[in-house]
N, C-alpha and C. Protein backbone atom coordinates (compact mmCIF):
# COMPACT_ATOMS: atom_id res chain seq x y z
N MET A 1 -209.95 -113.25 73.48
CA MET A 1 -209.54 -114.83 73.52
C MET A 1 -210.38 -115.25 71.96
N ALA A 2 -211.47 -113.99 71.45
CA ALA A 2 -212.30 -115.23 70.30
C ALA A 2 -211.63 -113.96 69.31
N ARG A 3 -210.67 -112.60 69.92
CA ARG A 3 -210.46 -111.71 69.11
C ARG A 3 -208.76 -112.49 68.66
N ASN A 4 -208.35 -112.99 69.96
CA ASN A 4 -207.00 -113.74 69.41
C ASN A 4 -207.43 -115.01 68.43
N LEU A 5 -208.33 -115.41 68.75
CA LEU A 5 -208.83 -116.64 67.66
C LEU A 5 -208.92 -116.29 66.49
N LEU A 6 -209.99 -114.99 65.78
CA LEU A 6 -209.95 -114.60 65.11
C LEU A 6 -208.78 -114.46 63.71
N THR A 7 -207.94 -113.59 65.07
CA THR A 7 -206.84 -112.43 64.18
C THR A 7 -206.04 -113.96 63.56
N LEU A 8 -205.73 -115.03 64.51
CA LEU A 8 -204.64 -116.64 63.80
C LEU A 8 -205.43 -116.77 62.91
N PHE A 9 -206.92 -117.06 62.88
CA PHE A 9 -207.88 -117.75 61.55
C PHE A 9 -206.90 -116.51 60.60
N PHE A 10 -206.94 -115.63 60.32
CA PHE A 10 -207.16 -114.95 59.38
C PHE A 10 -205.39 -114.62 58.59
N ALA A 11 -204.28 -114.87 59.53
CA ALA A 11 -203.49 -114.69 59.31
C ALA A 11 -203.17 -116.39 58.41
N LEU A 12 -203.93 -117.48 59.32
CA LEU A 12 -203.25 -118.75 58.66
C LEU A 12 -204.01 -118.45 57.03
N ALA A 13 -205.00 -117.97 57.01
CA ALA A 13 -205.68 -117.93 55.80
C ALA A 13 -205.05 -116.90 54.89
N LEU A 14 -204.42 -115.68 55.24
CA LEU A 14 -203.34 -115.25 54.53
C LEU A 14 -202.31 -115.81 54.07
N CYS A 15 -201.69 -116.31 54.99
CA CYS A 15 -200.25 -117.62 54.34
C CYS A 15 -201.03 -119.05 53.59
N ALA A 16 -202.35 -119.71 54.14
CA ALA A 16 -202.35 -120.33 53.00
C ALA A 16 -202.55 -120.14 51.44
N GLN A 17 -202.73 -118.66 51.62
CA GLN A 17 -203.15 -117.79 49.50
C GLN A 17 -201.94 -117.82 49.06
N ARG A 18 -201.11 -117.53 49.51
CA ARG A 18 -199.95 -118.31 48.52
C ARG A 18 -199.62 -118.91 47.93
N HIS A 19 -198.96 -118.52 47.09
CA HIS A 19 -199.06 -119.30 46.51
C HIS A 19 -197.17 -119.90 46.02
N PRO A 20 -197.16 -121.05 45.94
CA PRO A 20 -195.60 -121.01 46.22
C PRO A 20 -195.08 -121.01 44.89
N GLU A 21 -193.63 -119.98 44.78
CA GLU A 21 -192.66 -120.29 43.61
C GLU A 21 -192.79 -122.06 42.74
N SER A 22 -192.77 -122.40 41.70
CA SER A 22 -193.22 -122.53 41.00
C SER A 22 -191.81 -123.13 40.50
N PRO A 23 -191.28 -124.50 40.05
CA PRO A 23 -189.51 -124.76 39.67
C PRO A 23 -189.60 -123.96 38.31
N GLN A 24 -188.67 -123.78 38.17
CA GLN A 24 -188.62 -123.31 36.94
C GLN A 24 -187.56 -124.46 35.75
N PRO A 25 -188.08 -124.45 35.02
CA PRO A 25 -188.10 -125.44 34.26
C PRO A 25 -186.46 -125.51 33.57
N PRO A 26 -186.06 -126.50 32.76
CA PRO A 26 -184.75 -127.28 32.87
C PRO A 26 -184.24 -125.79 31.11
N GLY A 27 -183.32 -125.67 31.81
CA GLY A 27 -181.91 -124.70 30.94
C GLY A 27 -182.79 -123.73 31.17
N THR A 28 -182.50 -123.07 31.92
CA THR A 28 -183.12 -121.47 32.74
C THR A 28 -181.77 -121.27 33.49
N ALA A 29 -181.79 -120.35 33.26
CA ALA A 29 -180.67 -119.19 34.14
C ALA A 29 -179.64 -120.43 35.19
N SER A 30 -181.06 -120.72 36.05
CA SER A 30 -180.21 -121.84 37.06
C SER A 30 -179.94 -123.24 36.48
N ASP A 31 -179.68 -123.26 35.84
CA ASP A 31 -179.16 -124.28 35.37
C ASP A 31 -177.93 -124.74 34.88
N THR A 32 -177.23 -123.36 34.32
CA THR A 32 -176.45 -122.78 33.80
C THR A 32 -174.99 -122.31 35.31
N LEU A 33 -173.67 -122.53 34.86
CA LEU A 33 -172.76 -122.42 35.51
C LEU A 33 -172.35 -121.08 35.30
N PRO A 34 -171.83 -120.73 36.58
CA PRO A 34 -171.09 -118.95 35.73
C PRO A 34 -169.99 -119.13 34.77
N SER A 35 -168.90 -120.26 34.01
CA SER A 35 -168.72 -120.08 32.74
C SER A 35 -169.93 -120.28 31.41
N GLY A 36 -171.09 -120.68 31.40
CA GLY A 36 -172.15 -121.19 31.14
C GLY A 36 -172.12 -122.14 30.12
N LYS A 37 -171.70 -122.90 31.18
CA LYS A 37 -171.54 -124.16 30.73
C LYS A 37 -173.02 -124.66 31.20
N SER A 38 -174.12 -125.88 30.89
CA SER A 38 -175.30 -125.97 31.76
C SER A 38 -174.64 -127.34 33.10
N MET A 39 -175.21 -127.18 34.27
CA MET A 39 -174.60 -127.79 35.22
C MET A 39 -175.40 -129.34 35.42
N PRO A 40 -176.14 -129.48 34.90
CA PRO A 40 -176.74 -131.49 34.11
C PRO A 40 -175.20 -131.91 33.37
N GLU A 41 -174.98 -130.83 32.60
CA GLU A 41 -174.22 -132.39 31.51
C GLU A 41 -172.30 -131.84 32.64
N GLU A 42 -172.44 -130.81 32.74
CA GLU A 42 -171.04 -131.08 33.73
C GLU A 42 -171.27 -132.16 34.66
N ILE A 43 -172.13 -132.04 35.75
CA ILE A 43 -172.67 -132.89 36.76
C ILE A 43 -171.95 -134.88 35.86
N LEU A 44 -172.53 -134.47 34.22
CA LEU A 44 -173.27 -136.44 33.73
C LEU A 44 -170.66 -136.33 33.74
N LYS A 45 -170.36 -134.93 32.77
CA LYS A 45 -169.04 -135.40 32.73
C LYS A 45 -168.11 -135.88 33.98
N GLN A 46 -168.49 -135.21 34.95
CA GLN A 46 -167.65 -135.84 36.21
C GLN A 46 -167.69 -136.70 36.85
N ASP A 47 -169.35 -137.61 36.34
CA ASP A 47 -169.52 -138.84 36.93
C ASP A 47 -168.72 -139.80 36.02
N HIS A 48 -168.93 -139.50 35.09
CA HIS A 48 -168.50 -140.29 34.19
C HIS A 48 -166.23 -140.92 34.41
N LYS A 49 -165.96 -139.59 34.80
CA LYS A 49 -164.41 -139.35 35.07
C LYS A 49 -164.52 -140.21 36.52
N LYS A 50 -165.02 -140.11 37.28
CA LYS A 50 -165.49 -141.43 38.54
C LYS A 50 -165.36 -142.19 38.36
N ASN A 51 -166.19 -142.86 37.34
CA ASN A 51 -166.88 -143.83 36.87
C ASN A 51 -165.32 -144.60 36.50
N LEU A 52 -164.79 -144.54 35.63
CA LEU A 52 -164.12 -144.66 34.83
C LEU A 52 -162.57 -144.68 35.67
N ALA A 53 -161.97 -143.93 36.69
CA ALA A 53 -161.22 -144.20 37.61
C ALA A 53 -161.75 -145.04 38.79
N ASP A 54 -162.73 -145.29 38.68
CA ASP A 54 -163.01 -146.42 40.08
C ASP A 54 -163.35 -147.37 39.41
N ALA A 55 -163.63 -147.63 38.33
CA ALA A 55 -163.28 -149.27 36.94
C ALA A 55 -162.06 -149.45 36.99
N ALA A 56 -160.98 -148.70 36.55
CA ALA A 56 -159.69 -149.02 36.40
C ALA A 56 -159.43 -149.26 38.05
N THR A 57 -159.33 -148.96 38.95
CA THR A 57 -158.83 -149.59 40.47
C THR A 57 -160.08 -150.54 40.67
N MET A 58 -160.95 -151.02 40.40
CA MET A 58 -161.63 -152.55 40.20
C MET A 58 -160.47 -153.35 39.74
N ALA A 59 -160.06 -152.78 38.73
CA ALA A 59 -159.69 -153.98 37.16
C ALA A 59 -158.18 -154.24 37.97
N LYS A 60 -157.42 -153.68 38.87
CA LYS A 60 -156.21 -153.27 39.43
C LYS A 60 -156.22 -154.35 39.97
N LEU A 61 -156.97 -153.89 42.08
CA LEU A 61 -157.57 -154.28 42.77
C LEU A 61 -157.80 -155.56 42.63
N ALA A 62 -158.92 -156.22 41.36
CA ALA A 62 -158.94 -157.82 41.14
C ALA A 62 -158.30 -158.64 40.45
N GLU A 63 -157.25 -157.88 39.56
CA GLU A 63 -156.11 -158.58 39.33
C GLU A 63 -155.33 -158.69 40.43
N GLU A 64 -154.66 -157.72 41.77
CA GLU A 64 -154.40 -158.07 42.94
C GLU A 64 -155.08 -159.23 43.73
N VAL A 65 -156.64 -159.43 43.92
CA VAL A 65 -156.60 -160.30 43.78
C VAL A 65 -156.77 -162.26 43.96
N SER A 66 -156.85 -161.65 42.06
CA SER A 66 -156.21 -163.28 42.47
C SER A 66 -155.08 -163.40 41.69
N GLU A 67 -153.86 -162.45 42.30
CA GLU A 67 -152.76 -162.96 42.70
C GLU A 67 -152.37 -163.13 43.48
N ASP A 68 -153.22 -163.01 44.73
CA ASP A 68 -153.21 -163.11 46.15
C ASP A 68 -153.58 -164.45 46.00
N LEU A 69 -154.65 -165.02 45.42
CA LEU A 69 -155.53 -166.12 45.92
C LEU A 69 -155.15 -167.32 45.10
N GLU A 70 -154.01 -166.95 44.51
CA GLU A 70 -152.97 -168.01 43.86
C GLU A 70 -152.44 -168.44 44.42
N LYS A 71 -151.67 -167.06 45.29
CA LYS A 71 -149.93 -167.31 46.21
C LYS A 71 -150.77 -168.14 47.38
N ASP A 72 -151.84 -167.73 48.29
CA ASP A 72 -152.63 -168.46 49.55
C ASP A 72 -152.56 -169.86 50.06
N ASP A 73 -152.23 -170.49 51.15
CA ASP A 73 -153.39 -171.64 50.98
C ASP A 73 -154.95 -171.61 50.61
N ARG A 74 -155.29 -172.84 50.29
CA ARG A 74 -156.16 -173.17 50.10
C ARG A 74 -157.37 -172.83 51.52
N PHE A 75 -156.77 -173.28 52.74
CA PHE A 75 -157.47 -172.95 54.16
C PHE A 75 -156.97 -171.96 54.36
N VAL A 76 -156.29 -170.93 54.21
CA VAL A 76 -156.14 -169.70 54.81
C VAL A 76 -155.91 -168.73 53.78
N TYR A 77 -156.64 -167.32 54.14
CA TYR A 77 -156.88 -165.78 53.20
C TYR A 77 -156.01 -164.64 54.04
N SER A 78 -155.12 -163.77 52.99
CA SER A 78 -156.08 -162.72 53.71
C SER A 78 -155.61 -161.68 54.70
N LEU A 79 -155.77 -160.93 55.23
CA LEU A 79 -156.54 -160.41 55.85
C LEU A 79 -156.56 -159.26 54.76
N LYS A 80 -155.58 -158.96 54.06
CA LYS A 80 -154.93 -157.75 53.07
C LYS A 80 -155.94 -158.18 51.85
N THR A 81 -156.42 -158.97 51.54
CA THR A 81 -157.13 -159.78 50.22
C THR A 81 -158.71 -159.40 50.63
N VAL A 82 -159.01 -159.66 51.76
CA VAL A 82 -160.46 -159.88 52.34
C VAL A 82 -160.62 -158.25 51.87
N LYS A 83 -159.41 -157.26 52.55
CA LYS A 83 -159.42 -155.90 52.53
C LYS A 83 -159.83 -155.59 50.91
N LYS A 84 -159.39 -155.59 50.42
CA LYS A 84 -159.39 -155.29 48.65
C LYS A 84 -160.47 -155.21 48.86
N LEU A 85 -160.93 -157.21 49.29
CA LEU A 85 -162.39 -157.01 48.18
C LEU A 85 -163.66 -156.32 48.52
N ASP A 86 -163.55 -156.13 50.42
CA ASP A 86 -163.94 -154.87 50.66
C ASP A 86 -163.92 -153.56 49.88
N GLU A 87 -163.03 -153.31 49.03
CA GLU A 87 -162.98 -152.31 48.27
C GLU A 87 -163.45 -151.53 47.44
N ILE A 88 -163.22 -153.47 46.39
CA ILE A 88 -164.11 -153.41 45.69
C ILE A 88 -165.58 -153.19 45.51
N GLU A 89 -165.84 -153.60 46.38
CA GLU A 89 -167.47 -153.50 46.57
C GLU A 89 -167.48 -152.46 46.97
N LYS A 90 -166.96 -151.60 47.43
CA LYS A 90 -167.38 -150.37 47.98
C LYS A 90 -166.80 -150.08 46.46
N LEU A 91 -166.35 -149.71 45.70
CA LEU A 91 -166.10 -148.78 44.63
C LEU A 91 -167.43 -149.30 43.31
N SER A 92 -167.82 -150.65 43.46
CA SER A 92 -168.64 -150.89 42.75
C SER A 92 -169.75 -150.65 43.07
N LYS A 93 -170.40 -150.43 44.46
CA LYS A 93 -171.79 -149.98 44.68
C LYS A 93 -171.46 -148.38 44.18
N ALA A 94 -170.71 -147.41 44.47
CA ALA A 94 -170.45 -146.20 44.16
C ALA A 94 -170.28 -146.00 42.70
N ILE A 95 -170.13 -146.82 41.35
CA ILE A 95 -170.36 -146.85 40.31
C ILE A 95 -171.93 -146.82 40.46
N ARG A 96 -172.22 -147.78 40.81
CA ARG A 96 -174.11 -148.15 41.05
C ARG A 96 -174.81 -147.02 40.91
N ALA A 97 -173.78 -146.39 42.21
CA ALA A 97 -175.37 -145.28 42.88
C ALA A 97 -175.58 -143.93 41.60
N ARG A 98 -173.90 -143.62 41.12
CA ARG A 98 -173.96 -143.26 39.89
C ARG A 98 -174.69 -143.33 39.27
N LEU A 99 -174.69 -143.84 38.27
CA LEU A 99 -175.29 -145.01 36.87
C LEU A 99 -176.59 -144.44 36.82
N LYS A 100 -177.44 -144.88 38.76
CA LYS A 100 -178.57 -144.76 39.00
C LYS A 100 -179.29 -143.27 38.80
N LYS A 101 -178.44 -142.56 39.05
CA LYS A 101 -179.10 -141.23 39.36
C LYS A 101 -180.17 -140.48 38.41
N TYR A 102 -179.51 -141.63 37.21
CA TYR A 102 -179.92 -140.65 36.02
C TYR A 102 -180.77 -141.89 34.77
C-alpha cells in the first residue's frame, strides 16, 4: 500500500514539473493562413463584410416595417411586422457581438 502511494506521489511530482507550452506571440506561423495572409486580418475583413450585409438587411426591413405600420390600423398589427422587428433585433445583436470581439 505504501509502495503504491509512493509511486503515485512520484508520478504526480513528475507531471507537476512539466511546463505547459507557452503560447506563441502574434505574428508567428500559427497566425497565418496557407495563402500567407494574416488570419486576424482576414477575420476582420469577413466580419466587416457580414456587418455591412446585415446593416443593409436591417435598413430594408426597417423600411418595410415603416410601410407596414402606416398601412395597419392603430390597434392591430400584423404578425409579419412583428417577425420583421424580431429579425431586426437579431441582426443588430449579431453586429454588436462581432463589434465587441475587438
